[in-house]
Amino acid sequence: MIASAPQPAVLHLVSAPGTPDRLRQPLGRSLPVFLCARAIEQGLTPPGRVLLIGDSDSAEYATSIGLRFHDRLAPPLGRVSMLSRSVRRAASGCARVICWNDELAPLLRSVKAPADLISTRPSLMRQRVSSRVEVRVFERADRKLWESKNNNAELESVLTPLIDRASPFPTQWTRARLGIDPGTICIGIIADRPSDIDARSMGFLLGLLHVAGFPIAAIVPRNASHLTDARRHHHALGNRFRFLVAQQPMLTMLPVFDVLLHPCFDGSGSSMLIERLCENLDTTVLRLRHSGREGLSRAPGLAGPIIEALDDILANRSPDPVRREVPVHV
């Protein structure tokens, strides 16, 4: 029997959240890393090499999510376009390239092989992609956005079970290990791109919830922006509640949280999918609108839905629940 020649490998392009930089557009998101890792793990995509785009923090983040990558490229000066030549060499001889981040799509112009773009946040791709690229989306709203750019996009079906039937992440984190009392409400802050989270605004909201009488502990991702200002605000409040910075991806700590706040909902597939993923893993997600410091200070009632949800958590814990009213001075 004559053995057939091996097929050229598939190249996976993906980027994970890295170190925030105020001078440059943040690169990398949580959802693409999760989808890429689980798709390869479950055999939903052809085997191949994984090329991670990002810094050393991106590599650590991707590994924590479960992604095994073969090579890593750090964008010079934070500019993805400067990696075109390196990506073209990496894709040489590949049968196909699968790109998991919209923000990496410009790199597909430099490769000759057919390509797939798994699009979850089309707004990050401001240029028209080549006709050689097959765009696949999870949400109809994203498909309409691509059509408005004169690009065809197909609704994804093969990868959808990764979200709808997600299995929990292996984790070593527990409330006891973090020193969080059983009677405390543990609040996490989630976003597909952690750097989109303004930790200052979250610090103000958490202070508001503390003054309202809730026993809270809060955990924010280390990739969030303005962490120093948030810590300063927390200190000014007298450090009355726990304010922790997660060194691990928030997705790997879901069992710790009573509730997740999502302050960055923009209607994109990534916003909806990150919520769906967390809720399918039995963690409640609350969207927060108008989360800016000025908006909340002028109208604390904007936090009303969150206060009601926390009241429900306390009520379910207490054998004789008492509904509380938010103090008028908050």
Protein backbone atom coordinates (compact mmCIF):
# COMPACT_ATOMS: atom_id res chain seq x y z
CA MET A 1 0.00 0.00 0.00
CA ILE A 2 1.36 3.39 -0.95
CA ALA A 3 0.96 5.93 1.84
CA SER A 4 -0.57 9.21 0.78
CA ALA A 5 1.45 12.36 1.22
CA PRO A 6 0.67 14.25 4.43
CA GLN A 7 -1.59 17.24 4.00
CA PRO A 8 -0.09 20.67 4.72
CA ALA A 9 -0.89 21.87 8.22
CA VAL A 10 -3.48 24.43 9.21
CA LEU A 11 -2.23 27.59 10.87
CA HIS A 12 -4.30 29.04 13.73
CA LEU A 13 -3.87 32.77 14.39
CA VAL A 14 -5.07 33.91 17.80
CA SER A 15 -4.38 36.66 20.32
CA ALA A 16 -4.91 36.67 24.10
CA PRO A 17 -5.22 39.64 26.48
CA GLY A 18 -1.86 41.06 27.48
CA THR A 19 -0.47 44.02 29.36
CA PRO A 20 -2.67 47.14 28.98
CA ASP A 21 -1.00 50.08 27.28
CA ARG A 22 -2.56 53.53 27.41
CA LEU A 23 -0.68 54.60 24.28
CA ARG A 24 -1.89 51.81 21.99
CA GLN A 25 -5.08 49.97 21.11
CA PRO A 26 -5.29 46.88 23.36
CA LEU A 27 -4.77 43.57 21.63
CA GLY A 28 -6.28 40.21 22.46
CA ARG A 29 -9.54 38.96 23.91
CA SER A 30 -10.70 36.07 26.09
CA LEU A 31 -13.35 34.54 23.84
CA PRO A 32 -11.16 33.81 20.78
CA VAL A 33 -8.61 32.03 22.99
CA PHE A 34 -11.34 29.94 24.59
CA LEU A 35 -12.91 29.03 21.25
CA CYS A 36 -9.58 28.14 19.65
CA ALA A 37 -8.43 26.03 22.60
CA ARG A 38 -11.69 24.08 22.94
CA ALA A 39 -12.16 23.63 19.18
CA ILE A 40 -8.73 22.04 18.85
CA GLU A 41 -9.20 20.00 22.02
CA GLN A 42 -12.52 18.59 20.79
CA GLY A 43 -11.40 18.03 17.21
CA LEU A 44 -13.81 20.58 15.71
CA THR A 45 -11.06 22.12 13.59
CA PRO A 46 -8.28 20.46 11.58
CA PRO A 47 -5.05 19.89 13.51
CA GLY A 48 -2.27 22.34 12.89
CA ARG A 49 0.09 24.86 14.43
CA VAL A 50 -1.06 27.64 16.73
CA LEU A 51 0.61 31.03 16.36
CA LEU A 52 -0.11 33.31 19.32
CA ILE A 53 0.10 37.06 18.76
CA GLY A 54 0.92 38.97 21.93
CA ASP A 55 3.37 39.64 24.75
CA SER A 56 4.50 37.37 27.58
CA ASP A 57 1.35 38.19 29.56
CA SER A 58 -0.68 37.03 26.55
CA ALA A 59 1.21 33.74 26.59
CA GLU A 60 0.50 33.25 30.30
CA TYR A 61 -3.18 34.10 29.78
CA ALA A 62 -3.56 31.69 26.85
CA THR A 63 -1.90 28.86 28.77
CA SER A 64 -4.24 29.43 31.73
CA ILE A 65 -7.27 29.16 29.42
CA GLY A 66 -5.91 25.85 28.10
CA LEU A 67 -4.45 26.87 24.74
CA ARG A 68 -1.31 25.08 23.65
CA PHE A 69 0.55 27.24 21.16
CA HIS A 70 3.65 26.46 19.15
CA ASP A 71 5.03 29.91 18.39
CA ARG A 72 4.50 33.47 19.60
CA LEU A 73 5.02 36.82 17.91
CA ALA A 74 4.95 40.13 19.78
CA PRO A 75 3.79 43.04 17.57
CA PRO A 76 6.56 45.66 17.29
CA LEU A 77 5.37 48.92 18.85
CA GLY A 78 2.02 47.19 19.37
CA ARG A 79 1.25 47.30 15.62
CA VAL A 80 -0.13 44.05 14.24
CA SER A 81 0.48 45.15 10.65
CA MET A 82 4.23 44.94 11.24
CA LEU A 83 3.93 41.15 11.60
CA SER A 84 2.68 40.58 8.04
CA ARG A 85 5.97 39.24 6.72
CA SER A 86 6.44 36.89 9.69
CA VAL A 87 2.90 35.55 9.37
CA ARG A 88 3.34 35.04 5.63
CA ARG A 89 6.40 32.89 6.32
CA ALA A 90 4.59 30.95 9.05
CA ALA A 91 1.66 30.26 6.70
CA SER A 92 3.87 29.17 3.81
CA GLY A 93 2.79 25.71 2.65
CA CYS A 94 -0.30 25.63 4.87
CA ALA A 95 -3.53 24.31 3.40
CA ARG A 96 -5.59 26.85 5.34
CA VAL A 97 -5.32 29.64 7.89
CA ILE A 98 -7.91 30.05 10.64
CA CYS A 99 -7.97 33.47 12.30
CA TRP A 100 -9.81 33.65 15.64
CA ASN A 101 -9.57 37.41 16.28
CA ASP A 102 -11.16 40.16 14.19
CA GLU A 103 -8.29 42.45 15.16
CA LEU A 104 -5.82 40.05 13.48
CA ALA A 105 -7.73 39.89 10.19
CA PRO A 106 -5.43 42.42 8.42
CA LEU A 107 -2.70 39.76 8.61
CA LEU A 108 -4.72 37.50 6.30
CA ARG A 109 -3.97 39.78 3.35
CA SER A 110 -0.36 38.62 3.44
CA VAL A 111 -1.08 34.88 3.17
CA LYS A 112 -1.81 32.98 -0.03
CA ALA A 113 -3.76 30.10 1.50
CA PRO A 114 -7.57 30.16 1.86
CA ALA A 115 -8.59 31.48 5.26
CA ASP A 116 -11.42 31.46 7.78
CA LEU A 117 -12.16 34.37 10.11
CA ILE A 118 -14.08 33.40 13.24
CA SER A 119 -15.61 36.81 13.84
CA THR A 120 -17.03 37.73 17.23
CA ARG A 121 -16.44 41.50 17.23
CA PRO A 122 -16.59 42.89 13.67
CA SER A 123 -16.19 46.49 14.83
CA LEU A 124 -12.50 45.74 15.43
CA MET A 125 -12.01 45.01 11.72
CA ARG A 126 -12.29 48.32 9.91
CA GLN A 127 -11.00 47.17 6.52
CA ARG A 128 -12.61 44.98 3.91
CA VAL A 129 -11.30 41.42 3.98
CA SER A 130 -10.26 39.49 0.89
CA SER A 131 -12.75 37.32 -0.98
CA ARG A 132 -10.47 34.39 -0.10
CA VAL A 133 -11.51 34.77 3.53
CA GLU A 134 -14.66 32.99 4.70
CA VAL A 135 -16.17 34.99 7.55
CA ARG A 136 -18.11 33.02 10.16
CA VAL A 137 -20.16 34.65 12.92
CA PHE A 138 -22.27 33.51 15.87
CA GLU A 139 -24.86 36.30 15.95
CA ARG A 140 -27.15 37.67 13.22
CA ALA A 141 -26.30 41.23 14.25
CA ASP A 142 -22.66 40.54 13.42
CA ARG A 143 -23.62 39.11 10.04
CA LYS A 144 -25.55 42.29 9.25
CA LEU A 145 -22.54 44.37 10.24
CA TRP A 146 -20.32 42.42 7.85
CA GLU A 147 -22.90 42.77 5.09
CA SER A 148 -22.86 46.54 5.63
CA LYS A 149 -19.14 46.33 4.82
CA ASN A 150 -19.93 44.44 1.60
CA ASN A 151 -18.60 41.18 3.01
CA ASN A 152 -20.54 37.93 3.15
CA ALA A 153 -20.67 36.14 6.49
CA GLU A 154 -22.09 32.76 7.42
CA LEU A 155 -23.68 31.87 10.74
CA GLU A 156 -21.45 29.47 12.68
CA SER A 157 -22.93 26.12 13.71
CA VAL A 158 -20.00 23.76 14.31
CA LEU A 159 -18.46 25.82 17.12
CA THR A 160 -21.70 26.89 18.82
CA PRO A 161 -21.76 23.86 21.19
CA LEU A 162 -18.51 25.11 22.70
CA ILE A 163 -20.58 27.94 24.21
CA ASP A 164 -23.92 26.23 24.76
CA ARG A 165 -22.49 23.01 26.23
CA ALA A 166 -19.36 24.39 27.82
CA SER A 167 -17.53 22.30 30.39
CA PRO A 168 -16.09 23.98 33.51
CA PHE A 169 -12.49 25.09 33.61
CA PRO A 170 -10.15 23.19 35.92
CA THR A 171 -9.45 25.58 38.78
CA GLN A 172 -7.54 25.68 42.04
CA TRP A 173 -9.34 28.78 43.29
CA THR A 174 -11.93 28.64 46.06
CA ARG A 175 -13.49 31.28 48.28
CA ALA A 176 -11.71 29.79 51.29
CA ARG A 177 -8.33 30.07 49.60
CA LEU A 178 -9.03 33.72 48.81
CA GLY A 179 -10.17 34.38 52.38
CA ILE A 180 -13.73 35.32 51.37
CA ASP A 181 -16.27 34.71 54.12
CA PRO A 182 -19.27 32.49 53.23
CA GLY A 183 -21.64 35.33 54.10
CA THR A 184 -19.93 37.74 51.71
CA ILE A 185 -21.23 38.38 48.20
CA CYS A 186 -18.31 37.84 45.83
CA ILE A 187 -18.58 40.06 42.74
CA GLY A 188 -16.43 39.56 39.65
CA ILE A 189 -16.00 41.99 36.76
CA ILE A 190 -16.02 40.34 33.32
CA ALA A 191 -15.41 41.50 29.76
CA ASP A 192 -14.24 39.78 26.60
CA ARG A 193 -11.39 42.30 26.40
CA PRO A 194 -10.39 42.92 30.04
CA SER A 195 -8.70 46.23 29.24
CA ASP A 196 -12.14 47.61 28.31
CA ILE A 197 -13.03 47.51 32.01
CA ASP A 198 -12.55 50.89 33.70
CA ALA A 199 -11.55 49.85 37.21
CA ARG A 200 -12.13 53.42 38.47
CA SER A 201 -15.82 53.28 37.61
CA MET A 202 -16.11 49.80 39.08
CA GLY A 203 -14.43 51.00 42.26
CA PHE A 204 -17.02 53.77 42.56
CA LEU A 205 -19.88 51.32 42.03
CA LEU A 206 -18.47 48.86 44.57
CA GLY A 207 -18.15 51.66 47.10
CA LEU A 208 -21.79 52.52 46.42
CA LEU A 209 -22.83 48.92 47.07
CA HIS A 210 -20.80 48.83 50.28
CA VAL A 211 -22.41 52.04 51.58
CA ALA A 212 -25.79 50.52 50.70
CA GLY A 213 -25.06 47.83 53.27
CA PHE A 214 -24.00 44.86 51.17
CA PRO A 215 -21.23 42.58 52.52
CA ILE A 216 -19.15 42.42 49.34
CA ALA A 217 -15.79 41.32 48.04
CA ALA A 218 -14.77 42.31 44.53
CA ILE A 219 -12.35 40.77 42.06
CA VAL A 220 -11.19 42.59 38.92
CA PRO A 221 -8.85 41.26 36.21
CA ARG A 222 -5.26 42.46 36.27
CA ASN A 223 -5.65 43.55 32.63
CA ALA A 224 -8.32 46.13 33.56
CA SER A 225 -7.48 49.78 32.95
CA HIS A 226 -6.92 52.40 35.67
CA LEU A 227 -6.23 49.87 38.43
CA THR A 228 -4.06 52.32 40.36
CA ASP A 229 -6.89 54.86 40.53
CA ALA A 230 -9.29 52.13 41.64
CA ARG A 231 -6.95 51.08 44.45
CA ARG A 232 -6.59 54.72 45.51
CA HIS A 233 -10.39 55.10 45.66
CA HIS A 234 -10.68 51.87 47.65
CA HIS A 235 -8.07 53.12 50.12
CA ALA A 236 -9.92 56.44 50.46
CA LEU A 237 -13.00 54.48 51.50
CA GLY A 238 -10.99 52.97 54.34
CA ASN A 239 -10.51 49.54 52.74
CA ARG A 240 -13.89 48.56 54.16
CA PHE A 241 -14.38 45.68 51.72
CA ARG A 242 -12.10 43.23 49.91
CA PHE A 243 -10.83 44.50 46.56
CA LEU A 244 -8.75 41.83 44.83
CA VAL A 245 -6.92 41.78 41.50
CA ALA A 246 -7.05 38.41 39.74
CA GLN A 247 -3.77 37.17 38.30
CA GLN A 248 -5.61 34.37 36.49
CA PRO A 249 -8.25 34.78 33.74
CA MET A 250 -11.65 35.46 35.27
CA LEU A 251 -13.11 32.55 33.28
CA THR A 252 -11.01 30.14 35.34
CA MET A 253 -12.40 31.50 38.63
CA LEU A 254 -16.15 31.30 37.97
CA PRO A 255 -16.98 28.98 40.93
CA VAL A 256 -15.75 31.71 43.29
CA PHE A 257 -18.33 34.31 42.22
CA ASP A 258 -21.90 34.86 43.34
CA VAL A 259 -22.43 37.23 40.43
CA LEU A 260 -20.50 38.80 37.55
CA LEU A 261 -20.88 42.40 36.42
CA HIS A 262 -20.48 43.07 32.71
CA PRO A 263 -19.87 46.80 32.18
CA CYS A 264 -18.79 46.62 28.53
CA PHE A 265 -21.84 45.28 26.68
CA ASP A 266 -21.92 46.73 23.15
CA GLY A 267 -24.34 44.37 21.38
CA SER A 268 -21.57 42.51 19.53
CA GLY A 269 -21.31 38.76 19.36
CA SER A 270 -18.41 38.80 21.82
CA SER A 271 -20.49 40.67 24.43
CA MET A 272 -23.38 38.25 24.14
CA LEU A 273 -21.23 35.14 23.91
CA ILE A 274 -19.11 35.94 26.98
CA GLU A 275 -22.33 36.36 28.98
CA ARG A 276 -23.80 33.16 27.54
CA LEU A 277 -20.64 31.22 28.31
CA CYS A 278 -20.57 32.34 31.94
CA GLU A 279 -24.28 31.69 32.45
CA ASN A 280 -23.98 28.23 30.89
CA LEU A 281 -21.29 27.60 33.50
CA ASP A 282 -23.82 28.49 36.25
CA THR A 283 -22.61 32.02 36.98
CA THR A 284 -25.11 34.89 36.88
CA VAL A 285 -24.12 37.88 34.74
CA LEU A 286 -25.57 41.37 35.20
CA ARG A 287 -25.14 44.05 32.55
CA LEU A 288 -24.28 47.46 33.87
CA ARG A 289 -25.17 50.48 31.79
CA HIS A 290 -24.02 54.06 32.42
CA SER A 291 -21.24 52.80 34.66
CA GLY A 292 -19.21 55.99 34.51
CA ARG A 293 -18.31 57.75 37.74
CA GLU A 294 -20.31 60.90 36.92
CA GLY A 295 -23.40 59.01 35.80
CA LEU A 296 -23.60 56.96 38.99
CA SER A 297 -22.86 59.90 41.28
CA ARG A 298 -25.67 61.97 39.75
CA ALA A 299 -28.16 59.11 39.56
CA PRO A 300 -27.39 56.18 41.88
CA GLY A 301 -30.69 54.62 40.82
CA LEU A 302 -28.92 53.45 37.65
CA ALA A 303 -27.43 50.72 39.84
CA GLY A 304 -30.93 49.64 40.90
CA PRO A 305 -31.05 46.32 38.98
CA ILE A 306 -27.75 45.29 40.56
CA ILE A 307 -28.95 46.23 44.04
CA GLU A 308 -32.11 44.17 43.47
CA ALA A 309 -30.06 41.18 42.32
CA LEU A 310 -27.80 41.37 45.38
CA ASP A 311 -30.88 41.62 47.60
CA ASP A 312 -32.12 38.39 46.01
CA ILE A 313 -28.80 36.67 46.72
CA LEU A 314 -29.02 37.65 50.39
CA ALA A 315 -32.68 36.64 50.55
CA ASN A 316 -31.91 33.17 49.20
CA ARG A 317 -29.21 32.71 51.84
CA SER A 318 -31.33 33.81 54.79
CA PRO A 319 -33.97 31.55 56.39
CA ASP A 320 -36.03 34.68 57.12
CA PRO A 321 -35.13 37.11 54.32
CA VAL A 322 -35.76 40.79 54.79
CA ARG A 323 -35.94 43.06 51.77
CA ARG A 324 -33.93 46.23 52.22
CA GLU A 325 -34.41 49.67 50.80
CA VAL A 326 -31.47 51.58 49.37
CA PRO A 327 -30.64 54.54 51.67
CA VAL A 328 -31.65 57.84 50.08
CA HIS A 329 -28.24 59.37 50.81
CA VAL A 330 -26.32 56.80 48.74
